[in-house]
Amino acid sequence: MSLNISVTLRSGAFVFFVYFGAIGLTERFGLAQLDTNSVAGNRFPSSGDAVIDKTRHAAFSFSQTLPNFVVKQLTTRYETMAARGGQTSWHILDTVSAEVISEGGAENYRNILVNGKPPKEDLAKTGTWSTGEYQSVLLDVLSSASHADFHNQRTTSIVNRDAWRYDFSVEQPNSHWQVDSSAATYKPGYTGVIWIDKESSRVLRLEMAARNVPRTFQFDTVESAIDYDSVPIGDSRFVMPTHSEVLTCDRGASICDRNTIDFRDYKKFTADSNITFDSPTDK
C-alpha cells in the first residue's frame, strides 16, 4: 500500500502529488524481500536500541498476519487563505466518504461520495485527496533501508497507555517520500515523532514533516500524522490507523490545505462479503 496525496494548485497550471513508497512493494524499491526474510528468521539488523528493535519486529510480523479487510474512510477537506499556526481559521470544503478494501496488500476504493453524492469529477481535481494511511508509512519509517535515526527517548503516555516517545529523522538520500509536480520531482528528507506502547511494542502515533524542500518547489510544507488503536477485525483485534491528518502549504504564503481522515468499522473482507456501513453523516 502507499500514501498518496494529490493536490490541485489554485493556478490550475500544475498538479502536485506525494507518493510514499511502501516496504510491502518489492517491485518499487527492492526492499521488501530483505525485511520479510528478517521477520521470518528473526534476523533484523540491530538498531542499537532494544525498544526500536522490538517495535520493528512487531510491525513487520503484524504486516504478515493482517487479514483482508474493508473500512469506512471519512475525509473532511479544509482550506485557509490565512494560516496563523494555532490561530488558523479553517473553511470546510467538503466531506468525502469511501469504502476502502485491502485485499492481498492492494487497496481498492469504492462507493466514493462527496457530501453524500457521487463525485462529478476526479477528487484530485477538487482539492487534496490522500490514500494509503495504513501500514505502509509505518513500515517504511521502521525499515532498516530508511536508516531512520531514532533519538531523544523519553517516557510519556498517550491514549491512557504508557509509552516511549522518540524523535526521528530520515536523511534525503534514504527517503522514499516522493513529491511530484508537472515541473519537478523531489524526495525530501523528513523528521518526526513516534509513540510506542511499552507493553505491546506497537506504534500508537506517528508524526512526519518534510524538510528542506527546494525553494523552487510550489509547496514548502508537507506534514502528516497518524493515530493507531486496537480495533476488532473478525474474531481478533489489530492495532490499525483510526485517524490521520495531512497538511500542505504554499511556499511563502499563508494558503494551506488540510485533510482530517477517520477510519471506522473495520470488517474482515472476503470475495463474497456483503458489507454495509452506516450513513456517511453518522458519527
Protein backbone atom coordinates (compact mmCIF):
# COMPACT_ATOMS: atom_id res chain seq x y z
CA MET A 1 0.00 0.00 0.00
CA SER A 2 1.09 3.58 -0.41
CA LEU A 3 0.45 7.05 0.85
CA ASN A 4 -0.62 9.33 -1.98
CA ILE A 5 -1.52 12.99 -1.64
CA SER A 6 -2.92 14.74 -4.69
CA VAL A 7 -3.31 18.50 -4.70
CA THR A 8 -4.65 20.71 -7.45
CA LEU A 9 -2.89 24.05 -7.28
CA ARG A 10 -5.08 27.15 -7.38
CA SER A 11 -3.38 28.45 -10.51
CA GLY A 12 -4.73 25.42 -12.38
CA ALA A 13 -1.33 25.05 -14.06
CA PHE A 14 0.09 22.19 -12.02
CA VAL A 15 -0.95 19.10 -10.13
CA PHE A 16 1.01 18.14 -7.02
CA PHE A 17 1.38 14.53 -5.93
CA VAL A 18 3.06 12.93 -2.94
CA TYR A 19 3.84 9.23 -3.02
CA PHE A 20 5.20 7.39 0.00
CA GLY A 21 6.71 4.08 -1.05
CA ALA A 22 5.61 1.06 0.94
CA ILE A 23 8.03 -1.57 2.13
CA GLY A 24 5.33 -4.07 1.16
CA LEU A 25 6.03 -3.38 -2.53
CA THR A 26 9.18 -5.23 -3.55
CA GLU A 27 8.88 -4.18 -7.17
CA ARG A 28 9.11 -0.47 -6.31
CA PHE A 29 12.14 -0.38 -4.04
CA GLY A 30 13.58 -3.88 -3.83
CA LEU A 31 13.36 -3.60 -0.05
CA ALA A 32 10.54 -5.91 0.97
CA GLN A 33 12.39 -9.17 0.45
CA LEU A 34 15.06 -8.32 3.00
CA ASP A 35 12.60 -7.25 5.65
CA THR A 36 10.18 -10.14 5.02
CA ASN A 37 13.00 -12.64 5.36
CA SER A 38 14.15 -10.90 8.53
CA VAL A 39 10.70 -11.29 10.04
CA ALA A 40 10.60 -14.99 9.22
CA GLY A 41 14.05 -15.65 10.65
CA ASN A 42 14.01 -13.04 13.42
CA ARG A 43 17.19 -11.53 11.95
CA PHE A 44 16.60 -7.79 11.86
CA PRO A 45 19.79 -5.74 11.75
CA SER A 46 20.19 -4.28 15.23
CA SER A 47 19.45 -0.59 15.56
CA GLY A 48 21.39 -0.42 18.79
CA ASP A 49 18.15 0.31 20.67
CA ALA A 50 16.21 -2.63 22.10
CA VAL A 51 12.89 -0.72 22.07
CA ILE A 52 13.20 0.14 18.37
CA ASP A 53 14.27 -3.42 17.52
CA LYS A 54 11.19 -4.86 19.27
CA THR A 55 8.93 -2.28 17.60
CA ARG A 56 10.37 -3.07 14.17
CA HIS A 57 9.84 -6.79 14.66
CA ALA A 58 6.28 -6.29 15.97
CA ALA A 59 5.34 -4.10 12.99
CA PHE A 60 6.71 -6.37 10.28
CA SER A 61 5.42 -9.55 11.92
CA PHE A 62 2.00 -7.92 12.17
CA SER A 63 2.05 -6.99 8.48
CA GLN A 64 2.41 -10.68 7.59
CA THR A 65 -0.69 -11.73 9.58
CA LEU A 66 -3.12 -8.90 8.79
CA PRO A 67 -6.27 -10.31 7.11
CA ASN A 68 -8.03 -8.76 4.14
CA PHE A 69 -10.36 -6.08 5.43
CA VAL A 70 -12.74 -3.28 4.50
CA VAL A 71 -13.04 0.01 6.39
CA LYS A 72 -15.08 3.19 6.07
CA GLN A 73 -12.88 6.23 5.39
CA LEU A 74 -14.36 9.66 6.14
CA THR A 75 -12.32 12.63 4.94
CA THR A 76 -13.10 16.26 5.74
CA ARG A 77 -11.24 18.68 3.48
CA TYR A 78 -10.39 22.19 4.63
CA GLU A 79 -8.58 25.21 3.26
CA THR A 80 -7.41 28.54 4.59
CA MET A 81 -6.10 31.67 2.92
CA ALA A 82 -4.58 32.98 6.18
CA ALA A 83 -2.68 30.31 8.11
CA ARG A 84 -1.58 31.55 11.54
CA GLY A 85 -0.42 28.45 13.40
CA GLY A 86 -2.83 27.50 16.18
CA GLN A 87 -4.96 30.55 15.43
CA THR A 88 -5.80 29.44 11.88
CA SER A 89 -9.46 29.58 10.88
CA TRP A 90 -10.24 26.67 8.55
CA HIS A 91 -13.02 26.64 5.95
CA ILE A 92 -14.64 23.27 5.22
CA LEU A 93 -14.62 22.45 1.51
CA ASP A 94 -16.47 19.12 1.64
CA THR A 95 -16.69 15.68 3.24
CA VAL A 96 -15.70 12.59 1.28
CA SER A 97 -16.75 9.08 2.29
CA ALA A 98 -15.44 5.87 0.77
CA GLU A 99 -15.17 2.15 1.44
CA VAL A 100 -11.54 1.05 1.37
CA ILE A 101 -10.85 -2.62 0.65
CA SER A 102 -7.43 -4.02 1.45
CA GLU A 103 -7.03 -7.37 -0.27
CA GLY A 104 -3.69 -9.10 -0.65
CA GLY A 105 -1.91 -5.85 0.25
CA ALA A 106 -3.62 -3.87 -2.52
CA GLU A 107 -6.15 -1.10 -1.87
CA ASN A 108 -9.38 -0.50 -3.76
CA TYR A 109 -11.72 2.43 -3.18
CA ARG A 110 -15.43 2.07 -3.89
CA ASN A 111 -18.71 3.86 -3.18
CA ILE A 112 -16.99 7.26 -3.06
CA LEU A 113 -19.38 10.08 -2.12
CA VAL A 114 -18.79 13.82 -1.81
CA ASN A 115 -21.24 15.42 0.61
CA GLY A 116 -23.35 12.28 0.21
CA LYS A 117 -23.41 12.35 -3.61
CA PRO A 118 -21.30 10.66 -6.31
CA PRO A 119 -18.46 12.99 -7.39
CA LYS A 120 -18.79 14.72 -10.74
CA GLU A 121 -15.02 14.78 -11.35
CA ASP A 122 -11.78 13.28 -10.13
CA LEU A 123 -11.28 14.06 -6.44
CA ALA A 124 -7.68 15.14 -7.05
CA LYS A 125 -9.02 17.97 -9.24
CA THR A 126 -11.16 19.43 -6.47
CA GLY A 127 -8.73 19.55 -3.54
CA THR A 128 -6.31 17.46 -1.50
CA TRP A 129 -7.04 13.73 -1.68
CA SER A 130 -4.94 11.22 0.21
CA THR A 131 -4.89 7.43 0.27
CA GLY A 132 -2.91 4.73 1.96
CA GLU A 133 -2.72 5.76 5.65
CA TYR A 134 -2.41 2.12 6.67
CA GLN A 135 0.75 0.18 7.46
CA SER A 136 2.90 1.40 4.57
CA VAL A 137 4.10 4.63 6.16
CA LEU A 138 4.95 2.94 9.44
CA LEU A 139 6.78 0.07 7.77
CA ASP A 140 8.87 2.45 5.71
CA VAL A 141 9.93 4.53 8.71
CA LEU A 142 10.89 1.39 10.65
CA SER A 143 12.63 -0.32 7.74
CA SER A 144 16.39 -0.63 8.03
CA ALA A 145 16.56 0.62 4.43
CA SER A 146 15.39 4.08 5.53
CA HIS A 147 18.19 4.35 8.12
CA ALA A 148 15.98 6.41 10.42
CA ASP A 149 17.82 7.95 13.33
CA PHE A 150 15.70 7.42 16.47
CA HIS A 151 16.82 9.58 19.36
CA ASN A 152 15.76 11.56 22.43
CA GLN A 153 13.88 8.66 24.06
CA ARG A 154 11.59 9.64 26.94
CA THR A 155 8.71 8.16 28.92
CA THR A 156 5.20 9.50 28.33
CA SER A 157 1.60 8.37 27.99
CA ILE A 158 -0.87 8.52 25.11
CA VAL A 159 -4.49 7.28 24.91
CA ASN A 160 -4.12 6.13 28.52
CA ARG A 161 -1.19 3.89 27.62
CA ASP A 162 2.35 4.04 28.99
CA ALA A 163 4.59 4.75 26.02
CA TRP A 164 8.05 5.55 24.79
CA ARG A 165 8.38 8.71 22.71
CA TYR A 166 11.21 9.18 20.22
CA ASP A 167 12.18 11.89 17.80
CA PHE A 168 13.48 10.58 14.49
CA SER A 169 14.85 11.76 11.17
CA VAL A 170 15.38 10.25 7.73
CA GLU A 171 18.02 11.82 5.52
CA GLN A 172 17.15 12.78 1.96
CA PRO A 173 19.26 10.06 0.24
CA ASN A 174 17.29 7.39 2.16
CA SER A 175 13.84 8.92 1.68
CA HIS A 176 11.09 7.16 -0.28
CA TRP A 177 8.70 10.08 0.08
CA GLN A 178 8.37 11.31 -3.49
CA VAL A 179 6.89 14.73 -4.25
CA ASP A 180 5.90 15.39 -7.87
CA SER A 181 4.64 18.40 -9.77
CA SER A 182 4.47 18.97 -13.51
CA ALA A 183 7.77 20.87 -13.23
CA ALA A 184 9.78 18.90 -10.66
CA THR A 185 10.15 15.74 -8.60
CA TYR A 186 11.85 15.53 -5.22
CA LYS A 187 12.22 13.10 -2.32
CA PRO A 188 12.67 15.25 0.79
CA GLY A 189 14.25 14.16 3.99
CA TYR A 190 11.90 14.36 6.95
CA THR A 191 11.74 14.49 10.71
CA GLY A 192 9.07 13.18 13.05
CA VAL A 193 7.93 11.83 16.39
CA ILE A 194 6.85 8.26 17.18
CA TRP A 195 4.96 6.94 20.22
CA ILE A 196 5.44 3.25 21.09
CA ASP A 197 3.31 1.25 23.53
CA LYS A 198 5.58 -0.05 26.30
CA GLU A 199 3.63 -3.28 26.77
CA SER A 200 2.99 -4.40 23.19
CA SER A 201 5.77 -2.56 21.27
CA ARG A 202 3.09 -1.36 18.84
CA VAL A 203 3.13 2.18 17.46
CA LEU A 204 0.33 4.41 18.77
CA ARG A 205 1.06 7.65 16.88
CA LEU A 206 3.38 8.77 14.09
CA GLU A 207 4.09 12.37 13.02
CA MET A 208 6.15 13.38 9.99
CA ALA A 209 7.23 16.66 8.38
CA ALA A 210 9.18 17.17 5.15
CA ARG A 211 12.37 19.19 5.49
CA ASN A 212 14.48 21.26 3.10
CA VAL A 213 12.06 21.15 0.18
CA PRO A 214 13.77 23.04 -2.70
CA ARG A 215 12.95 26.75 -2.87
CA THR A 216 11.79 26.36 -6.46
CA PHE A 217 9.03 23.95 -5.42
CA GLN A 218 5.43 25.13 -5.14
CA PHE A 219 4.95 23.95 -1.54
CA ASP A 220 7.21 24.47 1.46
CA THR A 221 5.14 22.45 3.98
CA VAL A 222 4.05 18.81 3.77
CA GLU A 223 3.09 17.18 7.07
CA SER A 224 1.28 14.02 8.16
CA ALA A 225 0.09 12.48 11.44
CA ILE A 226 -1.46 9.04 12.03
CA ASP A 227 -3.10 7.68 15.19
CA TYR A 228 -3.34 3.92 15.78
CA ASP A 229 -5.58 1.93 18.13
CA SER A 230 -6.76 -1.62 18.73
CA VAL A 231 -9.82 -2.49 16.62
CA PRO A 232 -11.71 -5.76 16.04
CA ILE A 233 -11.44 -7.40 12.61
CA GLY A 234 -13.29 -10.69 12.53
CA ASP A 235 -12.59 -12.62 15.72
CA SER A 236 -9.29 -10.90 16.51
CA ARG A 237 -8.05 -7.42 17.40
CA PHE A 238 -5.44 -5.48 15.44
CA VAL A 239 -3.71 -2.14 16.01
CA MET A 240 -4.82 -0.12 12.99
CA PRO A 241 -4.98 3.53 11.90
CA THR A 242 -8.05 5.27 13.32
CA HIS A 243 -7.32 8.91 12.49
CA SER A 244 -4.97 10.78 10.17
CA GLU A 245 -4.25 14.37 9.18
CA VAL A 246 -2.41 15.80 6.18
CA LEU A 247 -1.28 19.42 5.78
CA THR A 248 0.19 21.19 2.76
CA CYS A 249 1.01 24.92 2.44
CA ASP A 250 2.03 27.15 -0.46
CA ARG A 251 5.60 28.40 -0.36
CA GLY A 252 5.98 31.84 1.14
CA ALA A 253 2.24 32.29 1.58
CA SER A 254 -0.49 31.69 4.16
CA ILE A 255 -2.53 29.42 1.88
CA CYS A 256 -2.87 25.87 3.21
CA ASP A 257 -4.97 22.76 2.68
CA ARG A 258 -5.76 20.23 5.42
CA ASN A 259 -7.43 16.83 5.44
CA THR A 260 -8.70 15.09 8.55
CA ILE A 261 -9.37 11.39 7.97
CA ASP A 262 -11.24 8.96 10.20
CA PHE A 263 -11.28 5.18 9.75
CA ARG A 264 -14.37 3.43 11.12
CA ASP A 265 -15.96 -0.01 11.29
CA TYR A 266 -13.14 -2.30 10.24
CA LYS A 267 -14.52 -5.60 8.97
CA LYS A 268 -12.94 -8.77 7.64
CA PHE A 269 -13.28 -8.95 3.85
CA THR A 270 -13.71 -11.91 1.54
CA ALA A 271 -14.58 -12.01 -2.14
CA ASP A 272 -18.21 -12.84 -1.35
CA SER A 273 -18.54 -10.35 1.54
CA ASN A 274 -21.69 -8.27 1.65
CA ILE A 275 -20.53 -5.25 3.65
CA THR A 276 -22.87 -2.49 4.79
CA PHE A 277 -21.97 0.68 6.68
CA ASP A 278 -23.93 3.41 8.38
CA SER A 279 -24.78 6.60 6.54
CA PRO A 280 -21.78 8.92 5.86
CA THR A 281 -23.39 11.50 8.13
CA ASP A 282 -23.48 9.15 11.12
CA LYS A 283 -20.94 9.90 13.83
